[in-house]
Amino acid sequence: MERMSEKHKLVIVIGSVREGRFGPVIASWVAEQAREHGAFDIDVVDLADVEIPLSLPAESPRFAGDSYPRPEGMASLTSRLADADAFILVTPEYNHSYPASLKAAVDWHFTQWTAKPVAFVSYGGAAGGRHAVLHLENVFTELHAVTIRDGLVFPNYFTAWENGQPLDPETPGYAKALLDQLAWWAAALHAARNAAPYPS
């Protein structure tokens, strides 16, 4: 039987590729919190470093599996997503939704997300990225992932951070709640995937 204390691989995805984006600042802080939490091995993926075409092949990655014709520049991303036991997506809100770069990265994959937990850290104006997260929750339900209830939301992030740190002293506590839930689901789903294939 798998021990719940075993470390699992957490991939933190920086979803925005826009010039001047704030995502890397938040992702760096989230990664620091995850390292201090101690339940995960951390891998931060910046989509700005990945080749992500918007034009997709005719077949679905759900059925093509390893033979899906992804561009060569996406190989590292695909491997890192496949190796993950859990995900945190760091996303802004653009026009009441999440960035096209994140949607494209998600759509190029399928089984890499399946039966794994996904948590969300969002930022934006008054809504703090909540609309983006609502849309992402629907997408990841379709991909047979498990979304984590307790996320992190940063309204008016441009006044809520200083020197790479959130100003609200309660934020680390909220991060711990997210990471506690994510660690539980990561361990539970890792054990379940090892015990039996996920039903398609």
N, C-alpha and C. Protein backbone atom coordinates (compact mmCIF):
# COMPACT_ATOMS: atom_id res chain seq x y z
N MET A 1 0.85 -1.19 0.00
CA MET A 1 0.00 0.00 0.00
C MET A 1 0.89 1.24 0.00
N GLU A 2 0.53 2.26 -0.82
CA GLU A 2 1.33 3.46 -0.94
C GLU A 2 1.21 4.30 0.32
N ARG A 3 2.33 4.83 0.77
CA ARG A 3 2.32 5.72 1.92
C ARG A 3 1.87 7.10 1.46
N MET A 4 0.98 7.74 2.24
CA MET A 4 0.46 9.05 1.88
C MET A 4 1.55 10.13 2.00
N SER A 5 2.66 9.82 2.70
CA SER A 5 3.71 10.81 2.89
C SER A 5 4.70 10.85 1.72
N GLU A 6 4.58 9.94 0.77
CA GLU A 6 5.49 9.91 -0.37
C GLU A 6 5.36 11.19 -1.19
N LYS A 7 6.50 11.74 -1.63
CA LYS A 7 6.46 12.96 -2.43
C LYS A 7 5.95 12.65 -3.84
N HIS A 8 5.15 13.55 -4.36
CA HIS A 8 4.63 13.42 -5.71
C HIS A 8 5.04 14.63 -6.53
N LYS A 9 5.07 14.45 -7.84
CA LYS A 9 5.53 15.51 -8.73
C LYS A 9 4.42 16.53 -8.98
N LEU A 10 4.72 17.76 -8.67
CA LEU A 10 3.79 18.87 -8.89
C LEU A 10 4.32 19.74 -10.01
N VAL A 11 3.51 19.93 -11.05
CA VAL A 11 3.85 20.83 -12.14
C VAL A 11 3.04 22.12 -11.98
N ILE A 12 3.76 23.24 -11.87
CA ILE A 12 3.14 24.56 -11.78
C ILE A 12 3.26 25.20 -13.16
N VAL A 13 2.13 25.53 -13.76
CA VAL A 13 2.10 26.06 -15.12
C VAL A 13 1.83 27.56 -15.09
N ILE A 14 2.73 28.33 -15.70
CA ILE A 14 2.52 29.76 -15.88
C ILE A 14 1.74 29.93 -17.18
N GLY A 15 0.47 30.33 -17.07
CA GLY A 15 -0.43 30.28 -18.21
C GLY A 15 -0.36 31.44 -19.17
N SER A 16 0.14 32.59 -18.74
CA SER A 16 0.18 33.77 -19.60
C SER A 16 1.52 33.88 -20.31
N VAL A 17 1.48 34.32 -21.56
CA VAL A 17 2.70 34.59 -22.31
C VAL A 17 2.78 36.05 -22.73
N ARG A 18 1.90 36.87 -22.19
CA ARG A 18 1.81 38.29 -22.57
C ARG A 18 3.04 39.05 -22.06
N GLU A 19 3.48 40.06 -22.83
CA GLU A 19 4.58 40.90 -22.39
C GLU A 19 4.20 41.62 -21.09
N GLY A 20 5.16 41.69 -20.16
CA GLY A 20 4.92 42.37 -18.90
C GLY A 20 4.05 41.60 -17.92
N ARG A 21 3.80 40.33 -18.20
CA ARG A 21 2.92 39.51 -17.35
C ARG A 21 3.44 39.41 -15.92
N PHE A 22 2.51 39.20 -15.00
CA PHE A 22 2.83 39.08 -13.58
C PHE A 22 2.89 37.62 -13.15
N GLY A 23 2.49 36.72 -14.02
CA GLY A 23 2.41 35.30 -13.68
C GLY A 23 3.69 34.71 -13.09
N PRO A 24 4.88 35.00 -13.66
CA PRO A 24 6.09 34.42 -13.09
C PRO A 24 6.35 34.80 -11.64
N VAL A 25 5.95 36.01 -11.25
CA VAL A 25 6.12 36.43 -9.85
C VAL A 25 5.26 35.57 -8.94
N ILE A 26 4.00 35.40 -9.32
CA ILE A 26 3.10 34.59 -8.50
C ILE A 26 3.54 33.13 -8.50
N ALA A 27 3.91 32.61 -9.66
CA ALA A 27 4.33 31.20 -9.74
C ALA A 27 5.56 30.94 -8.89
N SER A 28 6.49 31.88 -8.86
CA SER A 28 7.69 31.72 -8.03
C SER A 28 7.32 31.65 -6.56
N TRP A 29 6.40 32.49 -6.13
CA TRP A 29 5.96 32.47 -4.74
C TRP A 29 5.21 31.17 -4.42
N VAL A 30 4.34 30.74 -5.33
CA VAL A 30 3.61 29.48 -5.12
C VAL A 30 4.58 28.30 -5.03
N ALA A 31 5.59 28.28 -5.90
CA ALA A 31 6.59 27.21 -5.85
C ALA A 31 7.32 27.21 -4.51
N GLU A 32 7.62 28.39 -4.00
CA GLU A 32 8.28 28.50 -2.70
C GLU A 32 7.40 27.92 -1.59
N GLN A 33 6.10 28.24 -1.64
CA GLN A 33 5.17 27.70 -0.65
C GLN A 33 5.08 26.17 -0.76
N ALA A 34 5.09 25.67 -1.98
CA ALA A 34 5.01 24.22 -2.19
C ALA A 34 6.26 23.52 -1.68
N ARG A 35 7.42 24.12 -1.87
CA ARG A 35 8.66 23.52 -1.35
C ARG A 35 8.63 23.48 0.17
N GLU A 36 8.17 24.56 0.79
CA GLU A 36 8.08 24.60 2.25
C GLU A 36 7.05 23.59 2.76
N HIS A 37 6.01 23.36 1.99
CA HIS A 37 4.98 22.40 2.38
C HIS A 37 5.56 21.00 2.51
N GLY A 38 6.42 20.63 1.57
CA GLY A 38 7.18 19.39 1.69
C GLY A 38 6.57 18.14 1.07
N ALA A 39 5.37 18.25 0.48
CA ALA A 39 4.72 17.05 -0.05
C ALA A 39 5.08 16.77 -1.50
N PHE A 40 5.76 17.72 -2.15
CA PHE A 40 5.92 17.63 -3.60
C PHE A 40 7.37 17.84 -4.04
N ASP A 41 7.68 17.24 -5.21
CA ASP A 41 8.82 17.66 -6.02
C ASP A 41 8.26 18.65 -7.05
N ILE A 42 8.90 19.79 -7.18
CA ILE A 42 8.32 20.91 -7.95
C ILE A 42 8.96 21.04 -9.32
N ASP A 43 8.12 21.27 -10.33
CA ASP A 43 8.58 21.58 -11.68
C ASP A 43 7.73 22.75 -12.18
N VAL A 44 8.38 23.89 -12.47
CA VAL A 44 7.65 25.06 -12.97
C VAL A 44 7.78 25.12 -14.49
N VAL A 45 6.64 25.13 -15.16
CA VAL A 45 6.58 25.18 -16.62
C VAL A 45 6.08 26.55 -17.04
N ASP A 46 6.88 27.26 -17.84
CA ASP A 46 6.49 28.56 -18.37
C ASP A 46 6.10 28.39 -19.83
N LEU A 47 4.83 28.62 -20.13
CA LEU A 47 4.36 28.41 -21.50
C LEU A 47 5.01 29.37 -22.50
N ALA A 48 5.60 30.44 -22.01
CA ALA A 48 6.33 31.34 -22.92
C ALA A 48 7.55 30.67 -23.52
N ASP A 49 8.00 29.58 -22.91
CA ASP A 49 9.18 28.87 -23.41
C ASP A 49 8.83 27.68 -24.29
N VAL A 50 7.55 27.51 -24.61
CA VAL A 50 7.08 26.32 -25.32
C VAL A 50 6.48 26.70 -26.67
N GLU A 51 6.75 25.87 -27.67
CA GLU A 51 6.11 26.04 -28.99
C GLU A 51 4.69 25.49 -28.90
N ILE A 52 3.70 26.38 -29.02
CA ILE A 52 2.30 25.96 -28.89
C ILE A 52 1.50 26.49 -30.07
N PRO A 53 1.45 25.78 -31.19
CA PRO A 53 0.64 26.24 -32.33
C PRO A 53 -0.84 26.24 -31.99
N LEU A 54 -1.57 27.14 -32.62
CA LEU A 54 -3.02 27.18 -32.43
C LEU A 54 -3.74 26.22 -33.36
N SER A 55 -3.08 25.81 -34.45
CA SER A 55 -3.68 24.87 -35.40
C SER A 55 -3.45 23.45 -34.91
N LEU A 56 -4.54 22.71 -34.71
CA LEU A 56 -4.48 21.35 -34.16
C LEU A 56 -4.69 20.30 -35.25
N PRO A 57 -4.12 19.11 -35.07
CA PRO A 57 -4.39 18.01 -36.00
C PRO A 57 -5.87 17.61 -35.98
N ALA A 58 -6.29 16.90 -37.01
CA ALA A 58 -7.70 16.53 -37.13
C ALA A 58 -8.12 15.54 -36.04
N GLU A 59 -7.23 14.60 -35.69
CA GLU A 59 -7.61 13.59 -34.70
C GLU A 59 -7.51 14.15 -33.29
N SER A 60 -8.21 13.51 -32.37
CA SER A 60 -8.21 13.94 -30.97
C SER A 60 -7.05 13.30 -30.22
N PRO A 61 -6.37 14.04 -29.32
CA PRO A 61 -5.31 13.42 -28.50
C PRO A 61 -5.88 12.38 -27.54
N ARG A 62 -7.17 12.43 -27.31
CA ARG A 62 -7.80 11.45 -26.41
C ARG A 62 -7.65 10.03 -26.97
N PHE A 63 -7.75 9.90 -28.28
CA PHE A 63 -7.72 8.57 -28.90
C PHE A 63 -6.38 8.24 -29.56
N ALA A 64 -5.60 9.27 -29.90
CA ALA A 64 -4.34 9.03 -30.58
C ALA A 64 -3.22 8.59 -29.63
N GLY A 65 -3.33 8.98 -28.36
CA GLY A 65 -2.33 8.57 -27.37
C GLY A 65 -0.94 9.08 -27.71
N ASP A 66 0.06 8.21 -27.59
CA ASP A 66 1.45 8.60 -27.81
C ASP A 66 1.75 8.92 -29.28
N SER A 67 0.87 8.49 -30.19
CA SER A 67 1.10 8.74 -31.61
C SER A 67 0.56 10.10 -32.06
N TYR A 68 0.01 10.89 -31.14
CA TYR A 68 -0.53 12.20 -31.52
C TYR A 68 0.58 13.07 -32.08
N PRO A 69 0.39 13.68 -33.26
CA PRO A 69 1.48 14.39 -33.95
C PRO A 69 1.72 15.80 -33.40
N ARG A 70 2.34 15.85 -32.24
CA ARG A 70 2.68 17.16 -31.66
C ARG A 70 3.98 17.68 -32.27
N PRO A 71 4.16 19.00 -32.31
CA PRO A 71 5.41 19.55 -32.81
C PRO A 71 6.58 19.18 -31.91
N GLU A 72 7.75 19.11 -32.50
CA GLU A 72 8.93 18.69 -31.76
C GLU A 72 9.21 19.59 -30.56
N GLY A 73 8.92 20.88 -30.72
CA GLY A 73 9.17 21.82 -29.64
C GLY A 73 8.26 21.66 -28.45
N MET A 74 7.25 20.80 -28.55
CA MET A 74 6.32 20.55 -27.45
C MET A 74 6.68 19.29 -26.66
N ALA A 75 7.70 18.56 -27.09
CA ALA A 75 8.02 17.26 -26.50
C ALA A 75 8.31 17.36 -25.00
N SER A 76 9.06 18.36 -24.60
CA SER A 76 9.40 18.51 -23.20
C SER A 76 8.15 18.79 -22.36
N LEU A 77 7.28 19.68 -22.86
CA LEU A 77 6.03 19.97 -22.14
C LEU A 77 5.20 18.71 -21.97
N THR A 78 5.02 17.95 -23.05
CA THR A 78 4.21 16.73 -22.99
C THR A 78 4.77 15.75 -21.97
N SER A 79 6.07 15.58 -21.97
CA SER A 79 6.72 14.67 -21.02
C SER A 79 6.53 15.14 -19.59
N ARG A 80 6.68 16.43 -19.36
CA ARG A 80 6.56 16.96 -18.00
C ARG A 80 5.13 16.85 -17.48
N LEU A 81 4.15 17.09 -18.36
CA LEU A 81 2.76 16.92 -17.97
C LEU A 81 2.44 15.46 -17.67
N ALA A 82 2.97 14.56 -18.50
CA ALA A 82 2.72 13.13 -18.31
C ALA A 82 3.31 12.63 -17.01
N ASP A 83 4.44 13.16 -16.61
CA ASP A 83 5.11 12.72 -15.38
C ASP A 83 4.48 13.28 -14.12
N ALA A 84 3.63 14.29 -14.26
CA ALA A 84 3.07 14.97 -13.09
C ALA A 84 2.05 14.10 -12.37
N ASP A 85 1.99 14.28 -11.06
CA ASP A 85 0.93 13.70 -10.24
C ASP A 85 -0.11 14.75 -9.87
N ALA A 86 0.23 16.02 -10.02
CA ALA A 86 -0.68 17.12 -9.66
C ALA A 86 -0.25 18.37 -10.41
N PHE A 87 -1.21 19.30 -10.55
CA PHE A 87 -0.96 20.54 -11.26
C PHE A 87 -1.47 21.74 -10.48
N ILE A 88 -0.76 22.84 -10.60
CA ILE A 88 -1.28 24.15 -10.22
C ILE A 88 -1.17 25.04 -11.46
N LEU A 89 -2.30 25.60 -11.89
CA LEU A 89 -2.30 26.49 -13.03
C LEU A 89 -2.38 27.93 -12.52
N VAL A 90 -1.40 28.73 -12.91
CA VAL A 90 -1.37 30.15 -12.55
C VAL A 90 -1.88 30.93 -13.74
N THR A 91 -3.04 31.56 -13.59
CA THR A 91 -3.67 32.20 -14.75
C THR A 91 -4.19 33.59 -14.44
N PRO A 92 -4.01 34.52 -15.38
CA PRO A 92 -4.72 35.79 -15.28
C PRO A 92 -6.11 35.65 -15.89
N GLU A 93 -6.85 36.74 -15.83
CA GLU A 93 -8.14 36.78 -16.51
C GLU A 93 -8.07 37.78 -17.64
N TYR A 94 -8.31 37.31 -18.87
CA TYR A 94 -8.36 38.18 -20.03
C TYR A 94 -9.78 38.14 -20.59
N ASN A 95 -10.46 39.26 -20.62
CA ASN A 95 -11.81 39.32 -21.18
C ASN A 95 -12.73 38.26 -20.57
N HIS A 96 -12.70 38.16 -19.25
CA HIS A 96 -13.55 37.25 -18.48
C HIS A 96 -13.25 35.78 -18.73
N SER A 97 -12.03 35.46 -19.16
CA SER A 97 -11.66 34.06 -19.32
C SER A 97 -10.14 33.95 -19.18
N TYR A 98 -9.60 32.79 -19.53
CA TYR A 98 -8.18 32.54 -19.36
C TYR A 98 -7.47 32.69 -20.71
N PRO A 99 -6.13 32.78 -20.70
CA PRO A 99 -5.39 33.09 -21.93
C PRO A 99 -5.46 32.00 -22.99
N ALA A 100 -5.37 32.42 -24.24
CA ALA A 100 -5.35 31.48 -25.36
C ALA A 100 -4.16 30.54 -25.27
N SER A 101 -3.04 31.03 -24.75
CA SER A 101 -1.85 30.17 -24.61
C SER A 101 -2.13 28.97 -23.72
N LEU A 102 -2.87 29.18 -22.65
CA LEU A 102 -3.20 28.09 -21.74
C LEU A 102 -4.20 27.13 -22.39
N LYS A 103 -5.17 27.66 -23.09
CA LYS A 103 -6.15 26.81 -23.77
C LYS A 103 -5.48 25.93 -24.80
N ALA A 104 -4.54 26.53 -25.57
CA ALA A 104 -3.84 25.75 -26.59
C ALA A 104 -3.01 24.64 -25.96
N ALA A 105 -2.31 24.95 -24.88
CA ALA A 105 -1.49 23.93 -24.20
C ALA A 105 -2.36 22.80 -23.68
N VAL A 106 -3.52 23.14 -23.14
CA VAL A 106 -4.45 22.12 -22.64
C VAL A 106 -4.95 21.26 -23.80
N ASP A 107 -5.36 21.89 -24.90
CA ASP A 107 -5.99 21.18 -26.00
C ASP A 107 -5.05 20.26 -26.75
N TRP A 108 -3.75 20.50 -26.68
CA TRP A 108 -2.78 19.62 -27.32
C TRP A 108 -2.59 18.32 -26.54
N HIS A 109 -3.23 18.20 -25.37
CA HIS A 109 -3.03 17.03 -24.51
C HIS A 109 -4.37 16.51 -24.01
N PHE A 110 -4.37 15.29 -23.52
CA PHE A 110 -5.60 14.72 -22.94
C PHE A 110 -5.25 13.80 -21.77
N THR A 111 -4.64 12.66 -22.09
CA THR A 111 -4.35 11.68 -21.03
C THR A 111 -3.37 12.21 -19.99
N GLN A 112 -2.60 13.22 -20.35
CA GLN A 112 -1.64 13.79 -19.40
C GLN A 112 -2.33 14.44 -18.20
N TRP A 113 -3.60 14.81 -18.37
CA TRP A 113 -4.36 15.43 -17.28
C TRP A 113 -5.26 14.44 -16.56
N THR A 114 -5.56 13.33 -17.21
CA THR A 114 -6.61 12.43 -16.75
C THR A 114 -6.31 11.83 -15.38
N ALA A 115 -7.32 11.84 -14.53
CA ALA A 115 -7.26 11.23 -13.18
C ALA A 115 -6.14 11.83 -12.33
N LYS A 116 -5.93 13.13 -12.51
CA LYS A 116 -4.95 13.87 -11.71
C LYS A 116 -5.61 15.13 -11.15
N PRO A 117 -5.15 15.62 -10.01
CA PRO A 117 -5.76 16.82 -9.42
C PRO A 117 -5.16 18.10 -10.01
N VAL A 118 -6.03 19.10 -10.17
CA VAL A 118 -5.63 20.39 -10.72
C VAL A 118 -6.14 21.49 -9.78
N ALA A 119 -5.22 22.34 -9.33
CA ALA A 119 -5.58 23.50 -8.51
C ALA A 119 -5.31 24.77 -9.30
N PHE A 120 -5.94 25.86 -8.87
CA PHE A 120 -5.88 27.11 -9.62
C PHE A 120 -5.43 28.27 -8.74
N VAL A 121 -4.55 29.08 -9.30
CA VAL A 121 -4.14 30.34 -8.69
C VAL A 121 -4.39 31.41 -9.74
N SER A 122 -5.27 32.35 -9.43
CA SER A 122 -5.68 33.33 -10.44
C SER A 122 -5.43 34.75 -9.94
N TYR A 123 -5.31 35.64 -10.91
CA TYR A 123 -5.09 37.05 -10.57
C TYR A 123 -5.72 37.92 -11.65
N GLY A 124 -6.06 39.13 -11.27
CA GLY A 124 -6.67 40.04 -12.23
C GLY A 124 -7.08 41.32 -11.56
N GLY A 125 -8.13 41.95 -12.09
CA GLY A 125 -8.66 43.17 -11.52
C GLY A 125 -9.57 42.87 -10.34
N ALA A 126 -10.74 43.46 -10.33
CA ALA A 126 -11.64 43.30 -9.18
C ALA A 126 -12.05 41.85 -8.96
N ALA A 127 -12.21 41.09 -10.04
CA ALA A 127 -12.65 39.69 -9.91
C ALA A 127 -11.53 38.74 -9.55
N GLY A 128 -10.29 39.19 -9.69
CA GLY A 128 -9.16 38.35 -9.30
C GLY A 128 -8.98 37.09 -10.13
N GLY A 129 -9.55 37.07 -11.33
CA GLY A 129 -9.40 35.89 -12.18
C GLY A 129 -10.43 34.81 -11.95
N ARG A 130 -11.46 35.10 -11.19
CA ARG A 130 -12.46 34.05 -10.87
C ARG A 130 -13.17 33.54 -12.12
N HIS A 131 -13.43 34.42 -13.09
CA HIS A 131 -14.09 33.97 -14.32
C HIS A 131 -13.20 32.98 -15.07
N ALA A 132 -11.91 33.25 -15.09
CA ALA A 132 -10.98 32.33 -15.75
C ALA A 132 -11.03 30.95 -15.10
N VAL A 133 -11.06 30.92 -13.78
CA VAL A 133 -11.07 29.64 -13.06
C VAL A 133 -12.37 28.89 -13.30
N LEU A 134 -13.49 29.59 -13.32
CA LEU A 134 -14.77 28.92 -13.59
C LEU A 134 -14.74 28.23 -14.95
N HIS A 135 -14.17 28.88 -15.95
CA HIS A 135 -14.07 28.26 -17.26
C HIS A 135 -13.11 27.08 -17.25
N LEU A 136 -12.00 27.21 -16.56
CA LEU A 136 -11.02 26.12 -16.49
C LEU A 136 -11.59 24.90 -15.76
N GLU A 137 -12.40 25.13 -14.75
CA GLU A 137 -13.00 23.99 -14.04
C GLU A 137 -13.86 23.16 -14.99
N ASN A 138 -14.61 23.82 -15.86
CA ASN A 138 -15.41 23.08 -16.85
C ASN A 138 -14.53 22.30 -17.80
N VAL A 139 -13.44 22.91 -18.25
CA VAL A 139 -12.53 22.25 -19.20
C VAL A 139 -11.92 21.00 -18.56
N PHE A 140 -11.46 21.12 -17.33
CA PHE A 140 -10.77 19.98 -16.72
C PHE A 140 -11.72 18.88 -16.25
N THR A 141 -12.98 19.22 -16.04
CA THR A 141 -13.97 18.17 -15.83
C THR A 141 -14.11 17.33 -17.10
N GLU A 142 -14.13 17.99 -18.25
CA GLU A 142 -14.20 17.28 -19.53
C GLU A 142 -12.99 16.39 -19.74
N LEU A 143 -11.83 16.79 -19.21
CA LEU A 143 -10.60 16.02 -19.38
C LEU A 143 -10.41 14.95 -18.30
N HIS A 144 -11.45 14.73 -17.49
CA HIS A 144 -11.42 13.70 -16.45
C HIS A 144 -10.36 13.96 -15.39
N ALA A 145 -10.09 15.24 -15.14
CA ALA A 145 -9.22 15.62 -14.03
C ALA A 145 -10.10 15.94 -12.82
N VAL A 146 -9.46 16.08 -11.66
CA VAL A 146 -10.17 16.43 -10.42
C VAL A 146 -9.73 17.84 -10.02
N THR A 147 -10.67 18.77 -10.00
CA THR A 147 -10.32 20.14 -9.65
C THR A 147 -10.42 20.34 -8.13
N ILE A 148 -9.50 21.13 -7.60
CA ILE A 148 -9.41 21.38 -6.17
C ILE A 148 -10.27 22.59 -5.81
N ARG A 149 -11.06 22.45 -4.77
CA ARG A 149 -12.00 23.51 -4.41
C ARG A 149 -11.29 24.78 -3.97
N ASP A 150 -10.31 24.66 -3.07
CA ASP A 150 -9.69 25.83 -2.47
C ASP A 150 -8.53 26.32 -3.32
N GLY A 151 -8.76 27.42 -4.04
CA GLY A 151 -7.71 28.02 -4.85
C GLY A 151 -7.21 29.30 -4.22
N LEU A 152 -6.30 29.96 -4.90
CA LEU A 152 -5.82 31.27 -4.48
C LEU A 152 -6.28 32.30 -5.51
N VAL A 153 -6.80 33.41 -5.02
CA VAL A 153 -7.33 34.46 -5.88
C VAL A 153 -6.70 35.79 -5.46
N PHE A 154 -6.18 36.52 -6.45
CA PHE A 154 -5.54 37.80 -6.16
C PHE A 154 -6.23 38.92 -6.93
N PRO A 155 -7.29 39.52 -6.33
CA PRO A 155 -7.90 40.70 -6.96
C PRO A 155 -6.94 41.88 -6.91
N ASN A 156 -7.02 42.73 -7.93
CA ASN A 156 -6.18 43.93 -7.98
C ASN A 156 -4.74 43.61 -7.58
N TYR A 157 -4.19 42.61 -8.23
CA TYR A 157 -2.86 42.10 -7.87
C TYR A 157 -1.79 43.18 -7.91
N PHE A 158 -2.00 44.21 -8.73
CA PHE A 158 -0.99 45.27 -8.91
C PHE A 158 -0.80 46.10 -7.64
N THR A 159 -1.77 46.04 -6.71
CA THR A 159 -1.60 46.72 -5.42
C THR A 159 -1.50 45.73 -4.27
N ALA A 160 -1.65 44.42 -4.56
CA ALA A 160 -1.70 43.41 -3.50
C ALA A 160 -0.37 42.71 -3.27
N TRP A 161 0.66 43.07 -4.08
CA TRP A 161 1.98 42.43 -3.98
C TRP A 161 3.06 43.49 -3.85
N GLU A 162 4.12 43.10 -3.17
CA GLU A 162 5.28 43.99 -3.04
C GLU A 162 6.53 43.14 -2.89
N ASN A 163 7.53 43.44 -3.71
CA ASN A 163 8.80 42.70 -3.67
C ASN A 163 8.62 41.19 -3.77
N GLY A 164 7.70 40.78 -4.66
CA GLY A 164 7.49 39.36 -4.90
C GLY A 164 6.71 38.62 -3.84
N GLN A 165 6.08 39.36 -2.93
CA GLN A 165 5.33 38.73 -1.83
C GLN A 165 3.93 39.34 -1.75
N PRO A 166 2.90 38.53 -1.46
CA PRO A 166 1.57 39.09 -1.24
C PRO A 166 1.53 39.86 0.07
N LEU A 167 0.79 40.97 0.08
CA LEU A 167 0.74 41.81 1.26
C LEU A 167 -0.19 41.28 2.34
N ASP A 168 -1.19 40.50 1.96
CA ASP A 168 -2.13 39.94 2.94
C ASP A 168 -1.43 38.86 3.75
N PRO A 169 -1.30 39.04 5.06
CA PRO A 169 -0.57 38.06 5.88
C PRO A 169 -1.26 36.70 5.99
N GLU A 170 -2.52 36.63 5.59
CA GLU A 170 -3.25 35.35 5.66
C GLU A 170 -3.03 34.49 4.43
N THR A 171 -2.42 35.05 3.39
CA THR A 171 -2.26 34.32 2.13
C THR A 171 -1.49 33.01 2.28
N PRO A 172 -0.38 32.96 3.04
CA PRO A 172 0.30 31.66 3.20
C PRO A 172 -0.59 30.58 3.80
N GLY A 173 -1.51 30.96 4.66
CA GLY A 173 -2.45 29.98 5.22
C GLY A 173 -3.40 29.43 4.17
N TYR A 174 -3.86 30.31 3.28
CA TYR A 174 -4.70 29.85 2.18
C TYR A 174 -3.92 28.94 1.24
N ALA A 175 -2.67 29.28 1.01
CA ALA A 175 -1.83 28.43 0.15
C ALA A 175 -1.65 27.05 0.77
N LYS A 176 -1.48 27.00 2.09
CA LYS A 176 -1.32 25.71 2.75
C LYS A 176 -2.57 24.85 2.61
N ALA A 177 -3.75 25.48 2.71
CA ALA A 177 -5.00 24.72 2.55
C ALA A 177 -5.07 24.13 1.15
N LEU A 178 -4.73 24.93 0.14
CA LEU A 178 -4.71 24.44 -1.24
C LEU A 178 -3.74 23.26 -1.37
N LEU A 179 -2.54 23.42 -0.84
CA LEU A 179 -1.51 22.39 -0.98
C LEU A 179 -1.86 21.13 -0.20
N ASP A 180 -2.51 21.28 0.95
CA ASP A 180 -2.95 20.11 1.72
C ASP A 180 -3.95 19.28 0.92
N GLN A 181 -4.93 19.96 0.33
CA GLN A 181 -5.93 19.25 -0.48
C GLN A 181 -5.30 18.63 -1.72
N LEU A 182 -4.42 19.39 -2.35
CA LEU A 182 -3.76 18.88 -3.56
C LEU A 182 -2.90 17.66 -3.24
N ALA A 183 -2.20 17.68 -2.12
CA ALA A 183 -1.36 16.55 -1.73
C ALA A 183 -2.20 15.31 -1.45
N TRP A 184 -3.35 15.50 -0.80
CA TRP A 184 -4.23 14.35 -0.52
C TRP A 184 -4.71 13.71 -1.83
N TRP A 185 -5.18 14.56 -2.74
CA TRP A 185 -5.67 14.04 -4.01
C TRP A 185 -4.55 13.45 -4.86
N ALA A 186 -3.38 14.06 -4.82
CA ALA A 186 -2.26 13.53 -5.59
C ALA A 186 -1.92 12.12 -5.14
N ALA A 187 -1.85 11.91 -3.82
CA ALA A 187 -1.53 10.58 -3.30
C ALA A 187 -2.64 9.58 -3.61
N ALA A 188 -3.89 10.00 -3.39
CA ALA A 188 -5.02 9.10 -3.61
C ALA A 188 -5.14 8.69 -5.07
N LEU A 189 -5.01 9.65 -5.98
CA LEU A 189 -5.17 9.34 -7.40
C LEU A 189 -3.95 8.61 -7.96
N HIS A 190 -2.76 8.90 -7.43
CA HIS A 190 -1.58 8.14 -7.84
C HIS A 190 -1.76 6.66 -7.50
N ALA A 191 -2.22 6.41 -6.28
CA ALA A 191 -2.46 5.02 -5.86
C ALA A 191 -3.55 4.37 -6.72
N ALA A 192 -4.60 5.12 -7.03
CA ALA A 192 -5.69 4.57 -7.84
C ALA A 192 -5.23 4.25 -9.25
N ARG A 193 -4.42 5.14 -9.84
CA ARG A 193 -3.92 4.87 -11.20
C ARG A 193 -2.99 3.65 -11.22
N ASN A 194 -2.23 3.48 -10.16
CA ASN A 194 -1.35 2.31 -10.09
C ASN A 194 -2.14 1.02 -9.87
N ALA A 195 -3.27 1.13 -9.19
CA ALA A 195 -4.05 -0.06 -8.87
C ALA A 195 -4.85 -0.57 -10.07
N ALA A 196 -5.32 0.35 -10.90
CA ALA A 196 -6.15 -0.05 -12.05
C ALA A 196 -6.18 1.08 -13.07
N PRO A 197 -6.24 0.76 -14.36
CA PRO A 197 -6.33 1.80 -15.39
C PRO A 197 -7.61 2.61 -15.21
N TYR A 198 -7.50 3.89 -15.47
CA TYR A 198 -8.70 4.74 -15.40
C TYR A 198 -9.64 4.35 -16.54
N PRO A 199 -10.94 4.15 -16.24
CA PRO A 199 -11.88 3.72 -17.30
C PRO A 199 -12.12 4.83 -18.32
N SER A 200 -11.94 4.50 -19.58
CA SER A 200 -12.14 5.49 -20.64
C SER A 200 -13.60 5.57 -21.03
